[in-house]
Amino acid sequence: MHVLNIVLSVLQVAAAIGLIFVVAIQQTKSEGLGGTIGGKVTSTFKGKPGFEDRLNDLTKYIAIGFFALSILVAVTMNR
């Protein structure tokens, strides 16, 4: 179990660094509070997803992986 905990911790650190990197290279929307409440309607009828759309998806998947790895590290740490 000790080796599993080390492997999961290394993967968690790699996911954290990846998440920081992906979030840092995204462009800000600068919509302010109006964009948060009302929101800007975005259309998905433009064909292939652009770079920002792929970055948003990548951010979502890395965040989910980081969350899952954090739970696994917490579960395996006390055993």
PDB file of N, CA and C in Angstrom:
ATOM      1  N   MET A   1       0.811  -1.194   0.000  1.00  0.00           N
ATOM      2  CA  MET A   1       0.000   0.000   0.000  1.00  0.00           C
ATOM      3  C   MET A   1       0.853   1.255   0.000  1.00  0.00           C
ATOM      4  N   HIS A   2       2.030   1.157   0.559  1.00  0.00           N
ATOM      5  CA  HIS A   2       2.905   2.328   0.609  1.00  0.00           C
ATOM      6  C   HIS A   2       3.309   2.762  -0.797  1.00  0.00           C
ATOM      7  N   VAL A   3       3.590   1.804  -1.649  1.00  0.00           N
ATOM      8  CA  VAL A   3       3.974   2.117  -3.031  1.00  0.00           C
ATOM      9  C   VAL A   3       2.786   2.714  -3.786  1.00  0.00           C
ATOM     10  N   LEU A   4       1.594   2.184  -3.546  1.00  0.00           N
ATOM     11  CA  LEU A   4       0.392   2.719  -4.187  1.00  0.00           C
ATOM     12  C   LEU A   4       0.161   4.167  -3.782  1.00  0.00           C
ATOM     13  N   ASN A   5       0.365   4.474  -2.514  1.00  0.00           N
ATOM     14  CA  ASN A   5       0.191   5.837  -2.038  1.00  0.00           C
ATOM     15  C   ASN A   5       1.201   6.780  -2.697  1.00  0.00           C
ATOM     16  N   ILE A   6       2.423   6.346  -2.875  1.00  0.00           N
ATOM     17  CA  ILE A   6       3.444   7.175  -3.520  1.00  0.00           C
ATOM     18  C   ILE A   6       3.095   7.409  -4.989  1.00  0.00           C
ATOM     19  N   VAL A   7       2.665   6.361  -5.677  1.00  0.00           N
ATOM     20  CA  VAL A   7       2.304   6.499  -7.089  1.00  0.00           C
ATOM     21  C   VAL A   7       1.116   7.444  -7.251  1.00  0.00           C
ATOM     22  N   LEU A   8       0.097   7.284  -6.402  1.00  0.00           N
ATOM     23  CA  LEU A   8      -1.067   8.160  -6.477  1.00  0.00           C
ATOM     24  C   LEU A   8      -0.703   9.610  -6.142  1.00  0.00           C
ATOM     25  N   SER A   9       0.203   9.799  -5.197  1.00  0.00           N
ATOM     26  CA  SER A   9       0.631  11.155  -4.840  1.00  0.00           C
ATOM     27  C   SER A   9       1.390  11.815  -5.985  1.00  0.00           C
ATOM     28  N   VAL A  10       2.228  11.055  -6.661  1.00  0.00           N
ATOM     29  CA  VAL A  10       2.962  11.604  -7.809  1.00  0.00           C
ATOM     30  C   VAL A  10       1.992  11.972  -8.928  1.00  0.00           C
ATOM     31  N   LEU A  11       1.009  11.109  -9.175  1.00  0.00           N
ATOM     32  CA  LEU A  11      -0.002  11.416 -10.191  1.00  0.00           C
ATOM     33  C   LEU A  11      -0.824  12.645  -9.808  1.00  0.00           C
ATOM     34  N   GLN A  12      -1.103  12.790  -8.515  1.00  0.00           N
ATOM     35  CA  GLN A  12      -1.855  13.949  -8.055  1.00  0.00           C
ATOM     36  C   GLN A  12      -1.067  15.240  -8.260  1.00  0.00           C
ATOM     37  N   VAL A  13       0.207  15.214  -7.980  1.00  0.00           N
ATOM     38  CA  VAL A  13       1.054  16.397  -8.195  1.00  0.00           C
ATOM     39  C   VAL A  13       1.132  16.722  -9.681  1.00  0.00           C
ATOM     40  N   ALA A  14       1.258  15.701 -10.521  1.00  0.00           N
ATOM     41  CA  ALA A  14       1.298  15.932 -11.970  1.00  0.00           C
ATOM     42  C   ALA A  14      -0.021  16.526 -12.458  1.00  0.00           C
ATOM     43  N   ALA A  15      -1.140  16.042 -11.934  1.00  0.00           N
ATOM     44  CA  ALA A  15      -2.442  16.600 -12.315  1.00  0.00           C
ATOM     45  C   ALA A  15      -2.577  18.032 -11.832  1.00  0.00           C
ATOM     46  N   ALA A  16      -2.070  18.336 -10.653  1.00  0.00           N
ATOM     47  CA  ALA A  16      -2.132  19.707 -10.136  1.00  0.00           C
ATOM     48  C   ALA A  16      -1.314  20.656 -10.995  1.00  0.00           C
ATOM     49  N   ILE A  17      -0.120  20.239 -11.390  1.00  0.00           N
ATOM     50  CA  ILE A  17       0.719  21.079 -12.245  1.00  0.00           C
ATOM     51  C   ILE A  17       0.076  21.259 -13.613  1.00  0.00           C
ATOM     52  N   GLY A  18      -0.489  20.191 -14.149  1.00  0.00           N
ATOM     53  CA  GLY A  18      -1.192  20.289 -15.430  1.00  0.00           C
ATOM     54  C   GLY A  18      -2.390  21.214 -15.355  1.00  0.00           C
ATOM     55  N   LEU A  19      -3.132  21.148 -14.267  1.00  0.00           N
ATOM     56  CA  LEU A  19      -4.298  22.006 -14.094  1.00  0.00           C
ATOM     57  C   LEU A  19      -3.886  23.470 -13.987  1.00  0.00           C
ATOM     58  N   ILE A  20      -2.835  23.735 -13.252  1.00  0.00           N
ATOM     59  CA  ILE A  20      -2.333  25.106 -13.136  1.00  0.00           C
ATOM     60  C   ILE A  20      -1.911  25.630 -14.501  1.00  0.00           C
ATOM     61  N   PHE A  21      -1.212  24.811 -15.264  1.00  0.00           N
ATOM     62  CA  PHE A  21      -0.744  25.221 -16.582  1.00  0.00           C
ATOM     63  C   PHE A  21      -1.905  25.513 -17.528  1.00  0.00           C
ATOM     64  N   VAL A  22      -2.887  24.616 -17.565  1.00  0.00           N
ATOM     65  CA  VAL A  22      -4.010  24.775 -18.486  1.00  0.00           C
ATOM     66  C   VAL A  22      -4.845  26.002 -18.118  1.00  0.00           C
ATOM     67  N   VAL A  23      -5.050  26.229 -16.831  1.00  0.00           N
ATOM     68  CA  VAL A  23      -5.819  27.395 -16.410  1.00  0.00           C
ATOM     69  C   VAL A  23      -5.042  28.681 -16.708  1.00  0.00           C
ATOM     70  N   ALA A  24      -3.722  28.642 -16.558  1.00  0.00           N
ATOM     71  CA  ALA A  24      -2.913  29.838 -16.776  1.00  0.00           C
ATOM     72  C   ALA A  24      -2.876  30.267 -18.236  1.00  0.00           C
ATOM     73  N   ILE A  25      -2.987  29.339 -19.180  1.00  0.00           N
ATOM     74  CA  ILE A  25      -2.898  29.726 -20.581  1.00  0.00           C
ATOM     75  C   ILE A  25      -4.249  30.095 -21.183  1.00  0.00           C
ATOM     76  N   GLN A  26      -5.333  29.953 -20.410  1.00  0.00           N
ATOM     77  CA  GLN A  26      -6.638  30.339 -20.929  1.00  0.00           C
ATOM     78  C   GLN A  26      -6.778  31.850 -20.937  1.00  0.00           C
ATOM     79  N   GLN A  27      -7.532  32.341 -21.896  1.00  0.00           N
ATOM     80  CA  GLN A  27      -7.795  33.769 -21.973  1.00  0.00           C
ATOM     81  C   GLN A  27      -8.962  34.114 -21.056  1.00  0.00           C
ATOM     82  N   THR A  28      -8.889  35.313 -20.470  1.00  0.00           N
ATOM     83  CA  THR A  28      -9.976  35.744 -19.603  1.00  0.00           C
ATOM     84  C   THR A  28     -11.129  36.249 -20.450  1.00  0.00           C
ATOM     85  N   LYS A  29     -12.305  36.031 -19.956  1.00  0.00           N
ATOM     86  CA  LYS A  29     -13.498  36.480 -20.679  1.00  0.00           C
ATOM     87  C   LYS A  29     -13.785  37.947 -20.370  1.00  0.00           C
ATOM     88  N   SER A  30     -13.381  38.432 -19.196  1.00  0.00           N
ATOM     89  CA  SER A  30     -13.578  39.804 -18.703  1.00  0.00           C
ATOM     90  C   SER A  30     -15.015  40.272 -18.887  1.00  0.00           C
ATOM     91  N   GLU A  31     -15.944  39.426 -18.509  1.00  0.00           N
ATOM     92  CA  GLU A  31     -17.352  39.780 -18.606  1.00  0.00           C
ATOM     93  C   GLU A  31     -17.846  40.462 -17.344  1.00  0.00           C
ATOM     94  N   GLY A  32     -17.123  40.332 -16.254  1.00  0.00           N
ATOM     95  CA  GLY A  32     -17.549  40.950 -15.011  1.00  0.00           C
ATOM     96  C   GLY A  32     -18.736  40.229 -14.400  1.00  0.00           C
ATOM     97  N   LEU A  33     -19.437  40.943 -13.529  1.00  0.00           N
ATOM     98  CA  LEU A  33     -20.569  40.353 -12.824  1.00  0.00           C
ATOM     99  C   LEU A  33     -21.751  40.127 -13.757  1.00  0.00           C
ATOM    100  N   GLY A  34     -21.912  40.957 -14.770  1.00  0.00           N
ATOM    101  CA  GLY A  34     -23.012  40.786 -15.715  1.00  0.00           C
ATOM    102  C   GLY A  34     -22.901  39.484 -16.479  1.00  0.00           C
ATOM    103  N   GLY A  35     -21.706  39.075 -16.805  1.00  0.00           N
ATOM    104  CA  GLY A  35     -21.513  37.813 -17.503  1.00  0.00           C
ATOM    105  C   GLY A  35     -21.775  36.618 -16.624  1.00  0.00           C
ATOM    106  N   THR A  36     -21.563  36.800 -15.327  1.00  0.00           N
ATOM    107  CA  THR A  36     -21.794  35.700 -14.403  1.00  0.00           C
ATOM    108  C   THR A  36     -23.282  35.465 -14.192  1.00  0.00           C
ATOM    109  N   ILE A  37     -24.032  36.524 -14.037  1.00  0.00           N
ATOM    110  CA  ILE A  37     -25.454  36.386 -13.745  1.00  0.00           C
ATOM    111  C   ILE A  37     -26.253  36.153 -15.024  1.00  0.00           C
ATOM    112  N   GLY A  38     -26.129  37.070 -15.966  1.00  0.00           N
ATOM    113  CA  GLY A  38     -26.908  36.953 -17.194  1.00  0.00           C
ATOM    114  C   GLY A  38     -26.306  35.970 -18.165  1.00  0.00           C
ATOM    115  N   GLY A  39     -25.014  35.995 -18.242  1.00  0.00           N
ATOM    116  CA  GLY A  39     -24.320  35.092 -19.146  1.00  0.00           C
ATOM    117  C   GLY A  39     -24.412  35.531 -20.588  1.00  0.00           C
ATOM    118  N   LYS A  40     -23.421  35.192 -21.348  1.00  0.00           N
ATOM    119  CA  LYS A  40     -23.421  35.489 -22.766  1.00  0.00           C
ATOM    120  C   LYS A  40     -23.769  34.204 -23.492  1.00  0.00           C
ATOM    121  N   VAL A  41     -24.688  34.285 -24.393  1.00  0.00           N
ATOM    122  CA  VAL A  41     -25.123  33.099 -25.114  1.00  0.00           C
ATOM    123  C   VAL A  41     -24.051  32.723 -26.118  1.00  0.00           C
ATOM    124  N   THR A  42     -23.590  31.490 -26.028  1.00  0.00           N
ATOM    125  CA  THR A  42     -22.600  31.009 -26.984  1.00  0.00           C
ATOM    126  C   THR A  42     -23.254  29.969 -27.860  1.00  0.00           C
ATOM    127  N   SER A  43     -22.947  30.006 -29.083  1.00  0.00           N
ATOM    128  CA  SER A  43     -23.549  29.082 -30.038  1.00  0.00           C
ATOM    129  C   SER A  43     -22.612  27.919 -30.293  1.00  0.00           C
ATOM    130  N   THR A  44     -23.173  26.730 -30.386  1.00  0.00           N
ATOM    131  CA  THR A  44     -22.369  25.552 -30.679  1.00  0.00           C
ATOM    132  C   THR A  44     -22.540  25.120 -32.125  1.00  0.00           C
ATOM    133  N   PHE A  45     -23.038  25.999 -32.949  1.00  0.00           N
ATOM    134  CA  PHE A  45     -23.281  25.667 -34.344  1.00  0.00           C
ATOM    135  C   PHE A  45     -22.139  26.072 -35.256  1.00  0.00           C
ATOM    136  N   LYS A  46     -20.962  26.263 -34.684  1.00  0.00           N
ATOM    137  CA  LYS A  46     -19.866  26.765 -35.494  1.00  0.00           C
ATOM    138  C   LYS A  46     -18.984  25.665 -36.077  1.00  0.00           C
ATOM    139  N   GLY A  47     -19.350  24.442 -35.938  1.00  0.00           N
ATOM    140  CA  GLY A  47     -18.565  23.357 -36.532  1.00  0.00           C
ATOM    141  C   GLY A  47     -17.557  22.796 -35.555  1.00  0.00           C
ATOM    142  N   LYS A  48     -16.303  22.729 -35.984  1.00  0.00           N
ATOM    143  CA  LYS A  48     -15.253  22.186 -35.137  1.00  0.00           C
ATOM    144  C   LYS A  48     -15.013  23.081 -33.923  1.00  0.00           C
ATOM    145  N   PRO A  49     -14.725  22.459 -32.777  1.00  0.00           N
ATOM    146  CA  PRO A  49     -14.438  23.288 -31.604  1.00  0.00           C
ATOM    147  C   PRO A  49     -13.104  24.005 -31.772  1.00  0.00           C
ATOM    148  N   GLY A  50     -13.067  25.222 -31.277  1.00  0.00           N
ATOM    149  CA  GLY A  50     -11.851  26.012 -31.360  1.00  0.00           C
ATOM    150  C   GLY A  50     -10.889  25.671 -30.243  1.00  0.00           C
ATOM    151  N   PHE A  51      -9.803  26.418 -30.191  1.00  0.00           N
ATOM    152  CA  PHE A  51      -8.761  26.181 -29.202  1.00  0.00           C
ATOM    153  C   PHE A  51      -9.289  26.389 -27.787  1.00  0.00           C
ATOM    154  N   GLU A  52     -10.066  27.445 -27.586  1.00  0.00           N
ATOM    155  CA  GLU A  52     -10.601  27.733 -26.256  1.00  0.00           C
ATOM    156  C   GLU A  52     -11.580  26.650 -25.798  1.00  0.00           C
ATOM    157  N   ASP A  53     -12.383  26.148 -26.723  1.00  0.00           N
ATOM    158  CA  ASP A  53     -13.319  25.074 -26.363  1.00  0.00           C
ATOM    159  C   ASP A  53     -12.571  23.812 -25.948  1.00  0.00           C
ATOM    160  N   ARG A  54     -11.510  23.503 -26.662  1.00  0.00           N
ATOM    161  CA  ARG A  54     -10.710  22.322 -26.290  1.00  0.00           C
ATOM    162  C   ARG A  54      -9.996  22.533 -24.966  1.00  0.00           C
ATOM    163  N   LEU A  55      -9.540  23.768 -24.706  1.00  0.00           N
ATOM    164  CA  LEU A  55      -8.908  24.055 -23.420  1.00  0.00           C
ATOM    165  C   LEU A  55      -9.914  23.929 -22.275  1.00  0.00           C
ATOM    166  N   ASN A  56     -11.133  24.377 -22.506  1.00  0.00           N
ATOM    167  CA  ASN A  56     -12.164  24.235 -21.476  1.00  0.00           C
ATOM    168  C   ASN A  56     -12.449  22.768 -21.172  1.00  0.00           C
ATOM    169  N   ASP A  57     -12.534  21.951 -22.207  1.00  0.00           N
ATOM    170  CA  ASP A  57     -12.757  20.521 -21.996  1.00  0.00           C
ATOM    171  C   ASP A  57     -11.577  19.877 -21.277  1.00  0.00           C
ATOM    172  N   LEU A  58     -10.363  20.240 -21.686  1.00  0.00           N
ATOM    173  CA  LEU A  58      -9.168  19.693 -21.045  1.00  0.00           C
ATOM    174  C   LEU A  58      -9.112  20.087 -19.570  1.00  0.00           C
ATOM    175  N   THR A  59      -9.478  21.325 -19.270  1.00  0.00           N
ATOM    176  CA  THR A  59      -9.506  21.782 -17.882  1.00  0.00           C
ATOM    177  C   THR A  59     -10.507  20.971 -17.075  1.00  0.00           C
ATOM    178  N   LYS A  60     -11.653  20.718 -17.666  1.00  0.00           N
ATOM    179  CA  LYS A  60     -12.684  19.951 -16.968  1.00  0.00           C
ATOM    180  C   LYS A  60     -12.200  18.533 -16.667  1.00  0.00           C
ATOM    181  N   TYR A  61     -11.581  17.881 -17.643  1.00  0.00           N
ATOM    182  CA  TYR A  61     -11.141  16.503 -17.443  1.00  0.00           C
ATOM    183  C   TYR A  61      -9.979  16.413 -16.448  1.00  0.00           C
ATOM    184  N   ILE A  62      -9.049  17.355 -16.504  1.00  0.00           N
ATOM    185  CA  ILE A  62      -7.936  17.336 -15.551  1.00  0.00           C
ATOM    186  C   ILE A  62      -8.454  17.610 -14.139  1.00  0.00           C
ATOM    187  N   ALA A  63      -9.416  18.523 -13.995  1.00  0.00           N
ATOM    188  CA  ALA A  63      -9.972  18.820 -12.670  1.00  0.00           C
ATOM    189  C   ALA A  63     -10.697  17.606 -12.093  1.00  0.00           C
ATOM    190  N   ILE A  64     -11.439  16.898 -12.917  1.00  0.00           N
ATOM    191  CA  ILE A  64     -12.123  15.691 -12.446  1.00  0.00           C
ATOM    192  C   ILE A  64     -11.098  14.634 -12.031  1.00  0.00           C
ATOM    193  N   GLY A  65     -10.047  14.474 -12.828  1.00  0.00           N
ATOM    194  CA  GLY A  65      -8.986  13.532 -12.477  1.00  0.00           C
ATOM    195  C   GLY A  65      -8.278  13.910 -11.192  1.00  0.00           C
ATOM    196  N   PHE A  66      -8.020  15.196 -11.008  1.00  0.00           N
ATOM    197  CA  PHE A  66      -7.370  15.664  -9.782  1.00  0.00           C
ATOM    198  C   PHE A  66      -8.254  15.394  -8.575  1.00  0.00           C
ATOM    199  N   PHE A  67      -9.540  15.636  -8.722  1.00  0.00           N
ATOM    200  CA  PHE A  67     -10.484  15.381  -7.628  1.00  0.00           C
ATOM    201  C   PHE A  67     -10.512  13.899  -7.267  1.00  0.00           C
ATOM    202  N   ALA A  68     -10.576  13.041  -8.272  1.00  0.00           N
ATOM    203  CA  ALA A  68     -10.604  11.599  -8.028  1.00  0.00           C
ATOM    204  C   ALA A  68      -9.300  11.120  -7.387  1.00  0.00           C
ATOM    205  N   LEU A  69      -8.169  11.641  -7.882  1.00  0.00           N
ATOM    206  CA  LEU A  69      -6.886  11.257  -7.294  1.00  0.00           C
ATOM    207  C   LEU A  69      -6.771  11.730  -5.848  1.00  0.00           C
ATOM    208  N   SER A  70      -7.319  12.908  -5.545  1.00  0.00           N
ATOM    209  CA  SER A  70      -7.274  13.408  -4.170  1.00  0.00           C
ATOM    210  C   SER A  70      -8.044  12.506  -3.238  1.00  0.00           C
ATOM    211  N   ILE A  71      -9.198  12.026  -3.691  1.00  0.00           N
ATOM    212  CA  ILE A  71      -9.974  11.104  -2.866  1.00  0.00           C
ATOM    213  C   ILE A  71      -9.219   9.785  -2.677  1.00  0.00           C
ATOM    214  N   LEU A  72      -8.630   9.274  -3.740  1.00  0.00           N
ATOM    215  CA  LEU A  72      -7.880   8.018  -3.631  1.00  0.00           C
ATOM    216  C   LEU A  72      -6.668   8.154  -2.713  1.00  0.00           C
ATOM    217  N   VAL A  73      -5.982   9.275  -2.771  1.00  0.00           N
ATOM    218  CA  VAL A  73      -4.840   9.485  -1.882  1.00  0.00           C
ATOM    219  C   VAL A  73      -5.308   9.552  -0.432  1.00  0.00           C
ATOM    220  N   ALA A  74      -6.410  10.229  -0.180  1.00  0.00           N
ATOM    221  CA  ALA A  74      -6.926  10.319   1.177  1.00  0.00           C
ATOM    222  C   ALA A  74      -7.363   8.955   1.712  1.00  0.00           C
ATOM    223  N   VAL A  75      -7.948   8.139   0.852  1.00  0.00           N
ATOM    224  CA  VAL A  75      -8.396   6.808   1.291  1.00  0.00           C
ATOM    225  C   VAL A  75      -7.214   5.892   1.565  1.00  0.00           C
ATOM    226  N   THR A  76      -6.209   5.933   0.720  1.00  0.00           N
ATOM    227  CA  THR A  76      -5.076   5.012   0.879  1.00  0.00           C
ATOM    228  C   THR A  76      -4.054   5.497   1.911  1.00  0.00           C
ATOM    229  N   MET A  77      -4.127   6.731   2.338  1.00  0.00           N
ATOM    230  CA  MET A  77      -3.128   7.254   3.257  1.00  0.00           C
ATOM    231  C   MET A  77      -3.217   6.626   4.646  1.00  0.00           C
ATOM    232  N   ASN A  78      -4.406   6.375   5.110  1.00  0.00           N
ATOM    233  CA  ASN A  78      -4.579   5.873   6.484  1.00  0.00           C
ATOM    234  C   ASN A  78      -4.506   4.364   6.587  1.00  0.00           C
ATOM    235  N   ARG A  79      -4.291   3.674   5.501  1.00  0.00           N
ATOM    236  CA  ARG A  79      -4.265   2.207   5.551  1.00  0.00           C
ATOM    237  C   ARG A  79      -2.879   1.685   5.653  1.00  0.00           C
TER     238      ARG A  79
END
